[in-house]
Amino acid sequence: MEEFKVDYFLVGVPKSASTWIYQCCRGHPQIATPGEDSLKYFDLKYHKGSEWYQQKFEGCDLSKVVIDPSPTYIRSPSAPARIARDFPHAKFIVSLRNPVDRAFSQFWHEKKNGDIPFEFEDCLEKFLLYSWYIDTGMYADLLDRWLVHFDRSRFKIVLFDDLRSAPSAFIEDIFMYMGIDAAYSPPMLNKKVNEAGGKVTAVGRKVNMLKKAPLLYKTLRSLKQTLALNDHVERALGVKGSNEAYKQGMREDVRLELQSIYAPQVKRLEAEWGLDLSSWNLG
């Protein structure tokens, strides 16, 4: 029986095309993937044990290149040491995006469903929000944790900007890094996944308040199953988002503050990883 192994980890970061990369890899004839992305084993599920983890790859051909696509790993204090212990020869693919845009995209990805009652600027004032949305963009610091356990040569860093400008070349570069057929053209090549969506309307904010009365909110949500709701009501209930509002962008003062926060991290990335991040305008 072939020994279980994982060759590559897609470790993030969230909202930087990690799901798109996973979807492109799924169809490649030389890659074996689990049936779901974001397994979260090495950060949140490690206590479940290796048997639970291996079951996620049940049916995978272990003679192929095996990947674990879990974008939450990048910010986990525990994941690097755990992976080093279990798969010391593993390699990593890290997709990075302008951290200001990444934070905003993550916020609206969650906001579009009406699941959070705060505004983006609150992320600069509340510790837990800052930790979740802003700290995830501290790329140089996050990568430092991994370099304690793995050599820098084990990491392939790709940029979200390159995906947007040339998706075919972007995924070819990743396939070449894995040592597999780079000529394969994924069906996902020109499709988008997990778009951030848009801002919840003023009515939607009121619905967020109703979530503090779960029975009432549940009743409102159940209306979708029986009524033909118009777009405005659907957005208010968190069923739809407004792409137009999302595209309006963040407040300028918030963007400037985030640029100031991230500038030292970007300078370190360029110096230590040999990256040209001038297009981010954060240096």
Foldseek 3Di string as FASTA:
>chain_A
DDDDAAAEEAADAPPQCLVVLVLQQPPDPQEQEFPDAAPCCQAPNVVVDDVVVVVSRPPTDRVGHYYHRRNNLLQGLRNLVVCCVVHVNHAYEYEDELLLVSLLLVVLLCPQLLQDLDDSLCLVVDDVSVVPRPVSNLNQVSVVSNVVRDPPVRYDYHYSVCCVVPQLVRSLVVCVVVVHDSVDDGPSSPPDPSGSAAHQDPLLSVLSVCVVVVVVLVVLVCVVVPDDDDPNSCSSNSNHGHNVHSVVDDDPVSSVVSLVVCLVSVVCCCVVVVDDPVVSVSD
